Amino acid sequence: MQYGVGVEYALHCLIYFIGSNSAEPIRIKDLAKFQGVSESYLSKIFTKLVKAKILNSIPGVKGGYELTKSPQSISFWDVIQAVEGQKPVFECRNIIGNCIINNEAGCATSLPCRINVTMLEGEKMMQDYFKGKTLLWLRETLDHELPKERLEKTIEWFNQRQ
């Protein structure tokens, strides 16, 4: 299982919606330049974030994007689901049901596949973990971990473009 780089770009970009002091929407052009990625690539990711109602698209010359809800209401899992879609980490192929002895009389079992049950439990634990990590948590963590000068320069960079 591997999440694509789109999840990483989405989370990196979304954090700037929290740090900016401006009430103006953030333009994809600025986010793309700041992240060093093409506008078209970021546009594809943002289309998914809008569709998932994480971002709102504001049309026009002064347009851009804004969060649709509070940072504490947007989890990592929300972003992962928006960008990657809703596909399970593990897909059981019912191998146990195809076992040769299951074709013999009286050998069929009604027990669930232990491998599938274990994988689904692990996936649920991972989802719960990512649901507990929000954009607000990320912002607060970065505020403590990153040098204050870097945070100030980032905010200043975005504010100058609005």
Protein backbone atom coordinates (compact mmCIF):
# COMPACT_ATOMS: atom_id res chain seq x y z
CA MET A 1 0.00 0.00 0.00
CA GLN A 2 1.34 3.35 -0.95
CA TYR A 3 -0.28 6.75 -1.07
CA GLY A 4 0.67 8.85 -4.04
CA VAL A 5 2.59 12.10 -3.89
CA GLY A 6 -0.71 13.91 -4.49
CA VAL A 7 -1.63 13.31 -0.84
CA GLU A 8 1.63 14.91 0.25
CA TYR A 9 1.14 17.94 -2.00
CA ALA A 10 -2.46 18.31 -0.83
CA LEU A 11 -1.47 18.32 2.85
CA HIS A 12 1.46 20.66 2.26
CA CYS A 13 -0.77 23.09 0.38
CA LEU A 14 -3.67 22.92 2.81
CA ILE A 15 -1.46 23.99 5.70
CA TYR A 16 -0.96 27.40 4.02
CA PHE A 17 -4.69 28.07 4.20
CA ILE A 18 -4.35 28.10 7.98
CA GLY A 19 -1.17 30.14 8.29
CA SER A 20 -2.19 33.07 6.13
CA ASN A 21 -3.48 36.16 7.92
CA SER A 22 -5.29 37.29 4.81
CA ALA A 23 -9.00 36.79 4.24
CA GLU A 24 -8.31 36.59 0.49
CA PRO A 25 -8.49 33.19 -1.22
CA ILE A 26 -5.18 31.53 -2.06
CA ARG A 27 -4.43 31.11 -5.75
CA ILE A 28 -3.27 27.82 -7.16
CA LYS A 29 -0.61 29.68 -9.13
CA ASP A 30 1.02 30.81 -5.88
CA LEU A 31 0.76 27.40 -4.24
CA ALA A 32 2.28 25.72 -7.29
CA LYS A 33 5.16 28.18 -7.39
CA PHE A 34 5.79 27.87 -3.64
CA GLN A 35 5.77 24.06 -3.78
CA GLY A 36 7.76 23.82 -7.02
CA VAL A 37 5.10 21.83 -8.85
CA SER A 38 3.15 22.51 -12.03
CA GLU A 39 -0.15 24.35 -11.83
CA SER A 40 -1.87 21.69 -13.93
CA TYR A 41 -0.80 18.91 -11.56
CA LEU A 42 -1.94 20.86 -8.51
CA SER A 43 -5.20 21.75 -10.29
CA LYS A 44 -6.02 18.06 -10.61
CA ILE A 45 -5.47 17.56 -6.89
CA PHE A 46 -7.50 20.66 -6.01
CA THR A 47 -10.37 19.50 -8.22
CA LYS A 48 -10.57 16.40 -6.01
CA LEU A 49 -10.39 18.51 -2.83
CA VAL A 50 -13.25 20.70 -4.09
CA LYS A 51 -15.31 17.66 -5.04
CA ALA A 52 -14.75 16.28 -1.51
CA LYS A 53 -15.90 19.64 -0.08
CA ILE A 54 -12.56 20.30 1.63
CA LEU A 55 -11.93 23.39 -0.49
CA ASN A 56 -14.19 25.93 -2.13
CA SER A 57 -13.23 27.37 -5.51
CA ILE A 58 -13.69 31.13 -5.87
CA PRO A 59 -13.85 32.23 -9.53
CA GLY A 60 -12.57 35.51 -10.93
CA VAL A 61 -9.45 37.62 -11.00
CA LYS A 62 -9.30 37.82 -7.20
CA GLY A 63 -10.41 34.20 -6.95
CA GLY A 64 -8.64 31.16 -5.65
CA TYR A 65 -9.42 28.59 -3.00
CA GLU A 66 -10.48 28.59 0.61
CA LEU A 67 -11.21 25.94 3.20
CA THR A 68 -14.86 24.95 3.45
CA LYS A 69 -14.69 24.11 7.14
CA SER A 70 -12.48 24.64 10.15
CA PRO A 71 -8.98 23.12 10.25
CA GLN A 72 -9.92 20.95 13.22
CA SER A 73 -12.70 19.43 11.10
CA ILE A 74 -10.43 18.32 8.23
CA SER A 75 -8.51 15.14 8.97
CA PHE A 76 -5.63 13.53 7.15
CA TRP A 77 -8.06 10.72 6.33
CA ASP A 78 -10.41 13.20 4.63
CA VAL A 79 -7.55 14.37 2.42
CA ILE A 80 -6.36 10.83 1.68
CA GLN A 81 -9.87 9.78 0.67
CA ALA A 82 -10.32 12.88 -1.49
CA VAL A 83 -7.05 12.42 -3.39
CA GLU A 84 -6.75 8.63 -3.51
CA GLY A 85 -10.40 7.64 -3.59
CA GLN A 86 -12.12 5.08 -1.44
CA LYS A 87 -10.24 1.91 -2.20
CA PRO A 88 -9.42 -0.67 0.45
CA VAL A 89 -5.82 -1.36 1.37
CA PHE A 90 -6.43 -5.12 1.22
CA GLU A 91 -8.80 -6.93 -1.10
CA CYS A 92 -9.57 -10.50 -0.08
CA ARG A 93 -9.59 -12.89 -3.05
CA ASN A 94 -11.35 -15.64 -1.06
CA ILE A 95 -8.41 -17.99 -1.53
CA ILE A 96 -9.67 -20.18 1.31
CA GLY A 97 -12.94 -20.67 -0.57
CA ASN A 98 -11.04 -21.95 -3.60
CA CYS A 99 -9.00 -24.45 -1.59
CA ILE A 100 -9.17 -27.96 -3.06
CA ILE A 101 -10.43 -29.56 0.15
CA ASN A 102 -13.37 -27.17 0.25
CA ASN A 103 -14.66 -28.98 -2.83
CA GLU A 104 -14.80 -32.26 -0.93
CA ALA A 105 -18.03 -33.18 0.81
CA GLY A 106 -18.29 -31.80 4.33
CA CYS A 107 -15.13 -29.66 4.19
CA ALA A 108 -16.72 -26.30 3.50
CA THR A 109 -16.28 -23.79 6.32
CA SER A 110 -18.44 -20.88 7.36
CA LEU A 111 -15.63 -19.28 9.35
CA PRO A 112 -14.40 -15.90 8.10
CA CYS A 113 -10.95 -15.75 6.55
CA ARG A 114 -8.60 -14.89 9.43
CA ILE A 115 -6.20 -13.12 7.06
CA ASN A 116 -8.97 -10.86 5.74
CA VAL A 117 -10.28 -10.12 9.24
CA THR A 118 -6.77 -9.21 10.46
CA MET A 119 -6.06 -7.00 7.45
CA LEU A 120 -9.39 -5.19 7.85
CA GLU A 121 -8.69 -4.62 11.56
CA GLY A 122 -5.27 -3.14 10.69
CA GLU A 123 -6.78 -0.90 8.03
CA LYS A 124 -9.39 0.33 10.50
CA MET A 125 -6.65 1.18 13.03
CA MET A 126 -4.76 3.13 10.36
CA GLN A 127 -7.91 5.01 9.33
CA ASP A 128 -8.68 5.88 12.94
CA TYR A 129 -5.13 7.19 13.39
CA PHE A 130 -5.38 9.44 10.31
CA LYS A 131 -8.86 10.58 11.34
CA GLY A 132 -7.32 11.79 14.61
CA LYS A 133 -4.73 13.95 12.82
CA THR A 134 -6.26 17.19 11.58
CA LEU A 135 -4.99 20.24 9.73
CA LEU A 136 -5.16 22.14 13.02
CA TRP A 137 -2.99 19.49 14.70
CA LEU A 138 -0.51 19.77 11.81
CA ARG A 139 -0.42 23.58 12.03
CA GLU A 140 0.16 23.50 15.80
CA THR A 141 2.85 20.83 15.46
CA LEU A 142 4.67 22.78 12.75
CA ASP A 143 4.42 25.96 14.81
CA HIS A 144 6.41 24.19 17.53
CA GLU A 145 8.85 22.34 15.28
CA LEU A 146 9.77 24.84 12.58
CA PRO A 147 11.91 27.90 13.21
CA LYS A 148 9.77 31.00 13.79
CA GLU A 149 11.58 32.84 10.97
CA ARG A 150 10.55 30.18 8.45
CA LEU A 151 6.90 30.42 9.48
CA GLU A 152 6.99 34.22 9.28
CA LYS A 153 8.65 34.18 5.84
CA THR A 154 6.07 31.73 4.55
CA ILE A 155 3.15 33.85 5.74
CA GLU A 156 4.81 36.98 4.35
CA TRP A 157 5.40 35.27 0.98
CA PHE A 158 1.72 34.39 0.57
CA ASN A 159 0.46 37.73 1.92
CA GLN A 160 2.58 39.64 -0.64
CA ARG A 161 0.83 37.83 -3.49
CA GLN A 162 -2.69 38.77 -2.46
